């Protein structure tokens, strides 16, 4: 016997597919009125920067445009200065799995993970999941993230996962999960205000512990993190880190 919700589910599914097609149709492209297939795996895209970071992590070229352009040309056959790696070093380390497969395969696998992230966000949504699925499929940024291989859906998963844990009185764990949002920290500029107003001290402790751990991982990546930064950034950090850290950074710079 067919479930009474089956027609509604079918309508939701059709609306979701239609939303993805419409959003792909209106995405900016070189050729007007051409739908760029979200499954494309060749050429430069935002996900290229993640593979480039994975390849350059632990080297002085992680944040240097010359090394990035050279790596992009080797992997994708072209280069784009707008696709520089701008995430923390720990994120580049987490993306090292991309190096075990060819470039096109890594782009395909990453886009599959982006789709998984969209599904996880809908699953973790505390309200009506059908509405969440419709909002995701009719969202131009979400579809653009799939076409370009962006990591924004995973940021949404982190925030939704933290809220899911917070609603179950697991504030410290929620803070740990939320610390992963440092890949796009500018989206949470007002997060400290929320903590102060709502007095979520365990959430703050978890977030602080997670952020400190991720910073520690970044500094422990084969003692090359500081040499990855431009010289001006190294001086800025060192002058405000005390004599011990100043000598340490100077030693790394002389290597």
C-alpha atoms as a PDB file:
ATOM      1  CA  UNK A   1       0.000   0.000   0.000  1.00  0.00           C
ATOM      2  CA  UNK A   2       1.419   3.367  -0.986  1.00  0.00           C
ATOM      3  CA  UNK A   3       2.237   5.751   1.818  1.00  0.00           C
ATOM      4  CA  UNK A   4      -0.009   8.829   2.030  1.00  0.00           C
ATOM      5  CA  UNK A   5       3.160  10.949   2.008  1.00  0.00           C
ATOM      6  CA  UNK A   6       4.355   9.467  -1.293  1.00  0.00           C
ATOM      7  CA  UNK A   7       2.764  12.156  -3.542  1.00  0.00           C
ATOM      8  CA  UNK A   8       4.224  14.929  -1.394  1.00  0.00           C
ATOM      9  CA  UNK A   9       7.627  13.257  -1.459  1.00  0.00           C
ATOM     10  CA  UNK A  10       7.459  12.920  -5.240  1.00  0.00           C
ATOM     11  CA  UNK A  11       6.505  16.566  -5.617  1.00  0.00           C
ATOM     12  CA  UNK A  12       9.383  17.567  -3.367  1.00  0.00           C
ATOM     13  CA  UNK A  13      11.808  15.454  -5.393  1.00  0.00           C
ATOM     14  CA  UNK A  14      10.624  16.950  -8.706  1.00  0.00           C
ATOM     15  CA  UNK A  15      10.845  20.465  -7.269  1.00  0.00           C
ATOM     16  CA  UNK A  16      14.378  19.786  -6.033  1.00  0.00           C
ATOM     17  CA  UNK A  17      15.553  18.548  -9.440  1.00  0.00           C
ATOM     18  CA  UNK A  18      13.888  21.514 -11.134  1.00  0.00           C
ATOM     19  CA  UNK A  19      15.562  23.895  -8.716  1.00  0.00           C
ATOM     20  CA  UNK A  20      19.021  22.489  -9.452  1.00  0.00           C
ATOM     21  CA  UNK A  21      18.443  22.745 -13.224  1.00  0.00           C
ATOM     22  CA  UNK A  22      17.190  26.342 -12.973  1.00  0.00           C
ATOM     23  CA  UNK A  23      20.106  27.401 -10.778  1.00  0.00           C
ATOM     24  CA  UNK A  24      22.606  25.798 -13.159  1.00  0.00           C
ATOM     25  CA  UNK A  25      20.957  27.614 -16.060  1.00  0.00           C
ATOM     26  CA  UNK A  26      21.430  31.030 -14.495  1.00  0.00           C
ATOM     27  CA  UNK A  27      24.982  30.519 -13.265  1.00  0.00           C
ATOM     28  CA  UNK A  28      27.435  32.905 -14.955  1.00  0.00           C
ATOM     29  CA  UNK A  29      29.303  31.179 -17.761  1.00  0.00           C
ATOM     30  CA  UNK A  30      31.514  32.015 -20.691  1.00  0.00           C
ATOM     31  CA  UNK A  31      28.817  31.030 -23.159  1.00  0.00           C
ATOM     32  CA  UNK A  32      25.389  32.516 -22.342  1.00  0.00           C
ATOM     33  CA  UNK A  33      22.472  30.131 -21.853  1.00  0.00           C
ATOM     34  CA  UNK A  34      24.734  27.137 -21.506  1.00  0.00           C
ATOM     35  CA  UNK A  35      24.224  24.925 -18.477  1.00  0.00           C
ATOM     36  CA  UNK A  36      27.608  24.144 -16.983  1.00  0.00           C
ATOM     37  CA  UNK A  37      27.497  20.499 -15.921  1.00  0.00           C
ATOM     38  CA  UNK A  38      28.106  20.099 -12.200  1.00  0.00           C
ATOM     39  CA  UNK A  39      29.953  16.860 -12.888  1.00  0.00           C
ATOM     40  CA  UNK A  40      32.772  18.529 -14.863  1.00  0.00           C
ATOM     41  CA  UNK A  41      36.168  17.551 -13.479  1.00  0.00           C
ATOM     42  CA  UNK A  42      38.599  19.235 -15.854  1.00  0.00           C
ATOM     43  CA  UNK A  43      39.953  22.757 -15.815  1.00  0.00           C
ATOM     44  CA  UNK A  44      40.350  25.246 -13.006  1.00  0.00           C
ATOM     45  CA  UNK A  45      37.672  25.491 -10.327  1.00  0.00           C
ATOM     46  CA  UNK A  46      37.535  26.441  -6.671  1.00  0.00           C
ATOM     47  CA  UNK A  47      38.296  22.874  -5.633  1.00  0.00           C
ATOM     48  CA  UNK A  48      41.600  23.163  -7.502  1.00  0.00           C
ATOM     49  CA  UNK A  49      42.854  25.390  -4.701  1.00  0.00           C
ATOM     50  CA  UNK A  50      42.237  22.621  -2.156  1.00  0.00           C
ATOM     51  CA  UNK A  51      44.322  20.119  -4.121  1.00  0.00           C
ATOM     52  CA  UNK A  52      47.009  22.748  -4.619  1.00  0.00           C
ATOM     53  CA  UNK A  53      47.099  23.409  -0.879  1.00  0.00           C
ATOM     54  CA  UNK A  54      47.322  19.685  -0.183  1.00  0.00           C
ATOM     55  CA  UNK A  55      50.303  19.437  -2.513  1.00  0.00           C
ATOM     56  CA  UNK A  56      52.111  22.480  -1.129  1.00  0.00           C
ATOM     57  CA  UNK A  57      51.387  22.039   2.586  1.00  0.00           C
ATOM     58  CA  UNK A  58      54.627  21.839   4.552  1.00  0.00           C
ATOM     59  CA  UNK A  59      56.505  23.858   1.932  1.00  0.00           C
ATOM     60  CA  UNK A  60      57.257  27.590   1.692  1.00  0.00           C
ATOM     61  CA  UNK A  61      55.003  27.827  -1.365  1.00  0.00           C
ATOM     62  CA  UNK A  62      51.671  27.165   0.344  1.00  0.00           C
ATOM     63  CA  UNK A  63      50.615  30.835   0.237  1.00  0.00           C
ATOM     64  CA  UNK A  64      52.859  32.042  -2.579  1.00  0.00           C
ATOM     65  CA  UNK A  65      51.200  32.763  -5.913  1.00  0.00           C
ATOM     66  CA  UNK A  66      54.195  31.624  -7.979  1.00  0.00           C
ATOM     67  CA  UNK A  67      54.208  28.129  -6.475  1.00  0.00           C
ATOM     68  CA  UNK A  68      50.418  27.926  -6.680  1.00  0.00           C
ATOM     69  CA  UNK A  69      50.365  28.845 -10.385  1.00  0.00           C
ATOM     70  CA  UNK A  70      53.062  26.295 -11.149  1.00  0.00           C
ATOM     71  CA  UNK A  71      51.172  23.547  -9.296  1.00  0.00           C
ATOM     72  CA  UNK A  72      47.879  24.452 -10.964  1.00  0.00           C
ATOM     73  CA  UNK A  73      49.488  24.337 -14.402  1.00  0.00           C
ATOM     74  CA  UNK A  74      50.876  20.888 -13.667  1.00  0.00           C
ATOM     75  CA  UNK A  75      47.609  19.495 -12.307  1.00  0.00           C
ATOM     76  CA  UNK A  76      44.859  21.267 -14.260  1.00  0.00           C
ATOM     77  CA  UNK A  77      46.711  22.380 -17.380  1.00  0.00           C
ATOM     78  CA  UNK A  78      45.975  26.063 -16.690  1.00  0.00           C
ATOM     79  CA  UNK A  79      46.258  28.580 -13.872  1.00  0.00           C
ATOM     80  CA  UNK A  80      44.095  31.172 -12.171  1.00  0.00           C
ATOM     81  CA  UNK A  81      45.421  33.622  -9.589  1.00  0.00           C
ATOM     82  CA  UNK A  82      41.937  33.878  -8.079  1.00  0.00           C
ATOM     83  CA  UNK A  83      42.147  30.236  -6.983  1.00  0.00           C
ATOM     84  CA  UNK A  84      44.879  30.604  -4.391  1.00  0.00           C
ATOM     85  CA  UNK A  85      44.817  28.486  -1.251  1.00  0.00           C
ATOM     86  CA  UNK A  86      43.509  30.717   1.562  1.00  0.00           C
ATOM     87  CA  UNK A  87      42.523  28.142   4.177  1.00  0.00           C
ATOM     88  CA  UNK A  88      44.497  27.307   7.357  1.00  0.00           C
ATOM     89  CA  UNK A  89      47.370  24.816   7.022  1.00  0.00           C
ATOM     90  CA  UNK A  90      45.475  22.109   8.909  1.00  0.00           C
ATOM     91  CA  UNK A  91      42.831  22.174   6.188  1.00  0.00           C
ATOM     92  CA  UNK A  92      45.456  21.580   3.523  1.00  0.00           C
ATOM     93  CA  UNK A  93      46.705  18.625   5.540  1.00  0.00           C
ATOM     94  CA  UNK A  94      43.163  17.242   5.745  1.00  0.00           C
ATOM     95  CA  UNK A  95      42.896  17.403   1.945  1.00  0.00           C
ATOM     96  CA  UNK A  96      46.024  15.319   1.348  1.00  0.00           C
ATOM     97  CA  UNK A  97      43.864  12.396   0.228  1.00  0.00           C
ATOM     98  CA  UNK A  98      43.420  14.198  -3.094  1.00  0.00           C
ATOM     99  CA  UNK A  99      47.033  13.465  -3.994  1.00  0.00           C
ATOM    100  CA  UNK A 100      46.488   9.694  -4.070  1.00  0.00           C
ATOM    101  CA  UNK A 101      44.320   9.891  -7.188  1.00  0.00           C
ATOM    102  CA  UNK A 102      44.601  11.788 -10.497  1.00  0.00           C
ATOM    103  CA  UNK A 103      43.385  15.378 -10.672  1.00  0.00           C
ATOM    104  CA  UNK A 104      40.111  14.651 -12.463  1.00  0.00           C
ATOM    105  CA  UNK A 105      39.319  11.795 -10.087  1.00  0.00           C
ATOM    106  CA  UNK A 106      39.974  13.949  -7.041  1.00  0.00           C
ATOM    107  CA  UNK A 107      37.653  16.650  -8.404  1.00  0.00           C
ATOM    108  CA  UNK A 108      34.930  14.048  -9.010  1.00  0.00           C
ATOM    109  CA  UNK A 109      35.297  12.542  -5.540  1.00  0.00           C
ATOM    110  CA  UNK A 110      35.235  15.970  -3.922  1.00  0.00           C
ATOM    111  CA  UNK A 111      32.010  16.894  -5.723  1.00  0.00           C
ATOM    112  CA  UNK A 112      30.469  13.666  -4.482  1.00  0.00           C
ATOM    113  CA  UNK A 113      31.450  14.736  -0.972  1.00  0.00           C
ATOM    114  CA  UNK A 114      29.834  18.130  -1.588  1.00  0.00           C
ATOM    115  CA  UNK A 115      26.572  16.368  -2.456  1.00  0.00           C
ATOM    116  CA  UNK A 116      26.953  14.265   0.710  1.00  0.00           C
ATOM    117  CA  UNK A 117      27.419  17.477   2.702  1.00  0.00           C
ATOM    118  CA  UNK A 118      24.191  18.903   1.288  1.00  0.00           C
ATOM    119  CA  UNK A 119      22.382  15.736   2.320  1.00  0.00           C
ATOM    120  CA  UNK A 120      23.899  15.819   5.801  1.00  0.00           C
ATOM    121  CA  UNK A 121      22.825  19.405   6.277  1.00  0.00           C
ATOM    122  CA  UNK A 122      19.237  18.530   5.372  1.00  0.00           C
ATOM    123  CA  UNK A 123      19.374  15.531   7.732  1.00  0.00           C
ATOM    124  CA  UNK A 124      20.696  17.622  10.632  1.00  0.00           C
ATOM    125  CA  UNK A 125      18.143  20.375  10.064  1.00  0.00           C
ATOM    126  CA  UNK A 126      15.969  20.719  13.153  1.00  0.00           C
ATOM    127  CA  UNK A 127      12.871  21.869  11.242  1.00  0.00           C
ATOM    128  CA  UNK A 128      10.971  20.496   8.257  1.00  0.00           C
ATOM    129  CA  UNK A 129      13.536  18.553   6.205  1.00  0.00           C
ATOM    130  CA  UNK A 130      11.473  18.843   3.017  1.00  0.00           C
ATOM    131  CA  UNK A 131      11.634  22.591   3.257  1.00  0.00           C
ATOM    132  CA  UNK A 132      15.361  22.365   3.942  1.00  0.00           C
ATOM    133  CA  UNK A 133      15.845  20.175   0.845  1.00  0.00           C
ATOM    134  CA  UNK A 134      13.881  22.620  -1.307  1.00  0.00           C
ATOM    135  CA  UNK A 135      15.863  25.567   0.046  1.00  0.00           C
ATOM    136  CA  UNK A 136      19.124  23.757  -0.682  1.00  0.00           C
ATOM    137  CA  UNK A 137      18.207  22.780  -4.252  1.00  0.00           C
ATOM    138  CA  UNK A 138      16.817  26.225  -5.105  1.00  0.00           C
ATOM    139  CA  UNK A 139      19.831  27.963  -3.606  1.00  0.00           C
ATOM    140  CA  UNK A 140      22.086  29.486  -6.241  1.00  0.00           C
ATOM    141  CA  UNK A 141      25.127  29.521  -3.904  1.00  0.00           C
ATOM    142  CA  UNK A 142      24.604  25.826  -3.090  1.00  0.00           C
ATOM    143  CA  UNK A 143      24.424  24.810  -6.746  1.00  0.00           C
ATOM    144  CA  UNK A 144      27.401  27.033  -7.542  1.00  0.00           C
ATOM    145  CA  UNK A 145      29.281  25.272  -4.743  1.00  0.00           C
ATOM    146  CA  UNK A 146      28.579  21.946  -6.453  1.00  0.00           C
ATOM    147  CA  UNK A 147      29.632  23.223  -9.879  1.00  0.00           C
ATOM    148  CA  UNK A 148      32.826  24.802  -8.536  1.00  0.00           C
ATOM    149  CA  UNK A 149      33.562  22.218  -5.859  1.00  0.00           C
ATOM    150  CA  UNK A 150      33.373  24.725  -3.004  1.00  0.00           C
ATOM    151  CA  UNK A 151      33.424  23.705   0.636  1.00  0.00           C
ATOM    152  CA  UNK A 152      30.563  25.956   1.774  1.00  0.00           C
ATOM    153  CA  UNK A 153      28.161  22.980   2.210  1.00  0.00           C
ATOM    154  CA  UNK A 154      30.611  21.449   4.669  1.00  0.00           C
ATOM    155  CA  UNK A 155      30.641  24.710   6.604  1.00  0.00           C
ATOM    156  CA  UNK A 156      26.847  24.414   6.836  1.00  0.00           C
ATOM    157  CA  UNK A 157      27.222  20.836   8.073  1.00  0.00           C
ATOM    158  CA  UNK A 158      29.582  22.009  10.816  1.00  0.00           C
ATOM    159  CA  UNK A 159      27.184  24.723  11.987  1.00  0.00           C
ATOM    160  CA  UNK A 160      24.139  22.434  11.778  1.00  0.00           C
ATOM    161  CA  UNK A 161      26.022  19.653  13.568  1.00  0.00           C
ATOM    162  CA  UNK A 162      27.061  22.020  16.356  1.00  0.00           C
ATOM    163  CA  UNK A 163      23.473  23.191  16.781  1.00  0.00           C
ATOM    164  CA  UNK A 164      22.267  19.574  16.737  1.00  0.00           C
ATOM    165  CA  UNK A 165      24.623  18.756  19.621  1.00  0.00           C
ATOM    166  CA  UNK A 166      23.800  21.960  21.473  1.00  0.00           C
ATOM    167  CA  UNK A 167      20.095  21.109  21.476  1.00  0.00           C
ATOM    168  CA  UNK A 168      21.017  17.802  23.157  1.00  0.00           C
ATOM    169  CA  UNK A 169      22.938  19.522  25.984  1.00  0.00           C
ATOM    170  CA  UNK A 170      26.347  18.581  24.614  1.00  0.00           C
ATOM    171  CA  UNK A 171      27.688  22.119  24.528  1.00  0.00           C
ATOM    172  CA  UNK A 172      31.389  21.309  24.849  1.00  0.00           C
ATOM    173  CA  UNK A 173      31.268  18.804  21.971  1.00  0.00           C
ATOM    174  CA  UNK A 174      29.267  21.318  19.960  1.00  0.00           C
ATOM    175  CA  UNK A 175      32.055  23.839  20.499  1.00  0.00           C
ATOM    176  CA  UNK A 176      34.644  21.340  19.317  1.00  0.00           C
ATOM    177  CA  UNK A 177      32.653  20.746  16.150  1.00  0.00           C
ATOM    178  CA  UNK A 178      32.110  24.457  15.661  1.00  0.00           C
ATOM    179  CA  UNK A 179      35.866  25.069  15.767  1.00  0.00           C
ATOM    180  CA  UNK A 180      36.063  23.420  12.349  1.00  0.00           C
ATOM    181  CA  UNK A 181      34.258  26.468  10.971  1.00  0.00           C
ATOM    182  CA  UNK A 182      37.568  28.336  11.092  1.00  0.00           C
ATOM    183  CA  UNK A 183      37.840  27.455   7.400  1.00  0.00           C
ATOM    184  CA  UNK A 184      35.391  30.362   6.977  1.00  0.00           C
ATOM    185  CA  UNK A 185      35.818  32.232  10.239  1.00  0.00           C
ATOM    186  CA  UNK A 186      34.502  35.490   8.765  1.00  0.00           C
ATOM    187  CA  UNK A 187      31.012  33.981   8.751  1.00  0.00           C
ATOM    188  CA  UNK A 188      31.062  33.813  12.568  1.00  0.00           C
ATOM    189  CA  UNK A 189      32.225  37.315  13.413  1.00  0.00           C
ATOM    190  CA  UNK A 190      29.334  37.824  15.831  1.00  0.00           C
ATOM    191  CA  UNK A 191      29.606  34.384  17.422  1.00  0.00           C
ATOM    192  CA  UNK A 192      31.361  35.708  20.589  1.00  0.00           C
ATOM    193  CA  UNK A 193      28.452  38.127  21.125  1.00  0.00           C
ATOM    194  CA  UNK A 194      26.004  35.212  21.046  1.00  0.00           C
ATOM    195  CA  UNK A 195      28.094  33.372  23.628  1.00  0.00           C
ATOM    196  CA  UNK A 196      28.176  36.393  25.947  1.00  0.00           C
ATOM    197  CA  UNK A 197      24.465  37.116  25.651  1.00  0.00           C
ATOM    198  CA  UNK A 198      23.364  33.494  26.136  1.00  0.00           C
ATOM    199  CA  UNK A 199      26.167  32.635  28.611  1.00  0.00           C
ATOM    200  CA  UNK A 200      27.172  29.500  26.729  1.00  0.00           C
ATOM    201  CA  UNK A 201      30.459  29.036  28.554  1.00  0.00           C
ATOM    202  CA  UNK A 202      30.867  25.305  27.851  1.00  0.00           C
ATOM    203  CA  UNK A 203      30.277  25.993  24.177  1.00  0.00           C
ATOM    204  CA  UNK A 204      32.978  28.667  24.323  1.00  0.00           C
ATOM    205  CA  UNK A 205      35.370  26.269  26.093  1.00  0.00           C
ATOM    206  CA  UNK A 206      34.832  23.603  23.448  1.00  0.00           C
ATOM    207  CA  UNK A 207      35.299  26.070  20.602  1.00  0.00           C
ATOM    208  CA  UNK A 208      38.451  27.466  22.215  1.00  0.00           C
ATOM    209  CA  UNK A 209      39.878  23.980  22.772  1.00  0.00           C
ATOM    210  CA  UNK A 210      39.175  23.053  19.168  1.00  0.00           C
ATOM    211  CA  UNK A 211      40.670  26.235  17.744  1.00  0.00           C
ATOM    212  CA  UNK A 212      43.811  25.911  19.877  1.00  0.00           C
ATOM    213  CA  UNK A 213      44.210  22.289  18.771  1.00  0.00           C
ATOM    214  CA  UNK A 214      43.855  23.208  15.104  1.00  0.00           C
ATOM    215  CA  UNK A 215      46.391  26.025  15.482  1.00  0.00           C
ATOM    216  CA  UNK A 216      48.774  23.584  17.164  1.00  0.00           C
ATOM    217  CA  UNK A 217      48.374  21.141  14.271  1.00  0.00           C
ATOM    218  CA  UNK A 218      49.094  23.967  11.824  1.00  0.00           C
ATOM    219  CA  UNK A 219      52.318  24.881  13.624  1.00  0.00           C
ATOM    220  CA  UNK A 220      53.417  21.251  13.885  1.00  0.00           C
ATOM    221  CA  UNK A 221      53.204  20.599  10.130  1.00  0.00           C
ATOM    222  CA  UNK A 222      56.856  19.681   9.378  1.00  0.00           C
ATOM    223  CA  UNK A 223      58.155  22.921  10.985  1.00  0.00           C
ATOM    224  CA  UNK A 224      57.377  24.767   7.761  1.00  0.00           C
ATOM    225  CA  UNK A 225      54.265  26.719   8.700  1.00  0.00           C
ATOM    226  CA  UNK A 226      56.068  30.001   9.376  1.00  0.00           C
ATOM    227  CA  UNK A 227      58.104  29.771   6.186  1.00  0.00           C
ATOM    228  CA  UNK A 228      54.818  29.424   4.290  1.00  0.00           C
ATOM    229  CA  UNK A 229      53.837  32.924   5.357  1.00  0.00           C
ATOM    230  CA  UNK A 230      55.068  36.070   3.628  1.00  0.00           C
ATOM    231  CA  UNK A 231      58.020  37.663   5.498  1.00  0.00           C
ATOM    232  CA  UNK A 232      55.855  40.577   6.693  1.00  0.00           C
ATOM    233  CA  UNK A 233      53.402  38.140   8.313  1.00  0.00           C
ATOM    234  CA  UNK A 234      56.244  36.310  10.069  1.00  0.00           C
ATOM    235  CA  UNK A 235      57.511  39.581  11.547  1.00  0.00           C
ATOM    236  CA  UNK A 236      53.997  40.570  12.604  1.00  0.00           C
ATOM    237  CA  UNK A 237      53.413  37.322  14.445  1.00  0.00           C
ATOM    238  CA  UNK A 238      56.879  37.178  15.987  1.00  0.00           C
ATOM    239  CA  UNK A 239      56.937  40.720  17.376  1.00  0.00           C
ATOM    240  CA  UNK A 240      53.787  39.985  19.358  1.00  0.00           C
ATOM    241  CA  UNK A 241      54.648  36.504  20.532  1.00  0.00           C
ATOM    242  CA  UNK A 242      57.358  37.163  23.088  1.00  0.00           C
ATOM    243  CA  UNK A 243      61.156  36.588  22.984  1.00  0.00           C
ATOM    244  CA  UNK A 244      60.960  32.795  22.900  1.00  0.00           C
ATOM    245  CA  UNK A 245      58.657  32.667  19.893  1.00  0.00           C
ATOM    246  CA  UNK A 246      60.677  35.410  18.208  1.00  0.00           C
ATOM    247  CA  UNK A 247      63.843  33.316  18.324  1.00  0.00           C
ATOM    248  CA  UNK A 248      61.939  30.245  17.155  1.00  0.00           C
ATOM    249  CA  UNK A 249      60.489  32.012  14.131  1.00  0.00           C
ATOM    250  CA  UNK A 250      63.837  33.549  13.282  1.00  0.00           C
ATOM    251  CA  UNK A 251      65.380  30.073  13.304  1.00  0.00           C
ATOM    252  CA  UNK A 252      62.710  28.757  10.939  1.00  0.00           C
ATOM    253  CA  UNK A 253      63.193  31.720   8.611  1.00  0.00           C
ATOM    254  CA  UNK A 254      66.929  31.093   8.385  1.00  0.00           C
ATOM    255  CA  UNK A 255      66.414  27.505   7.233  1.00  0.00           C
END
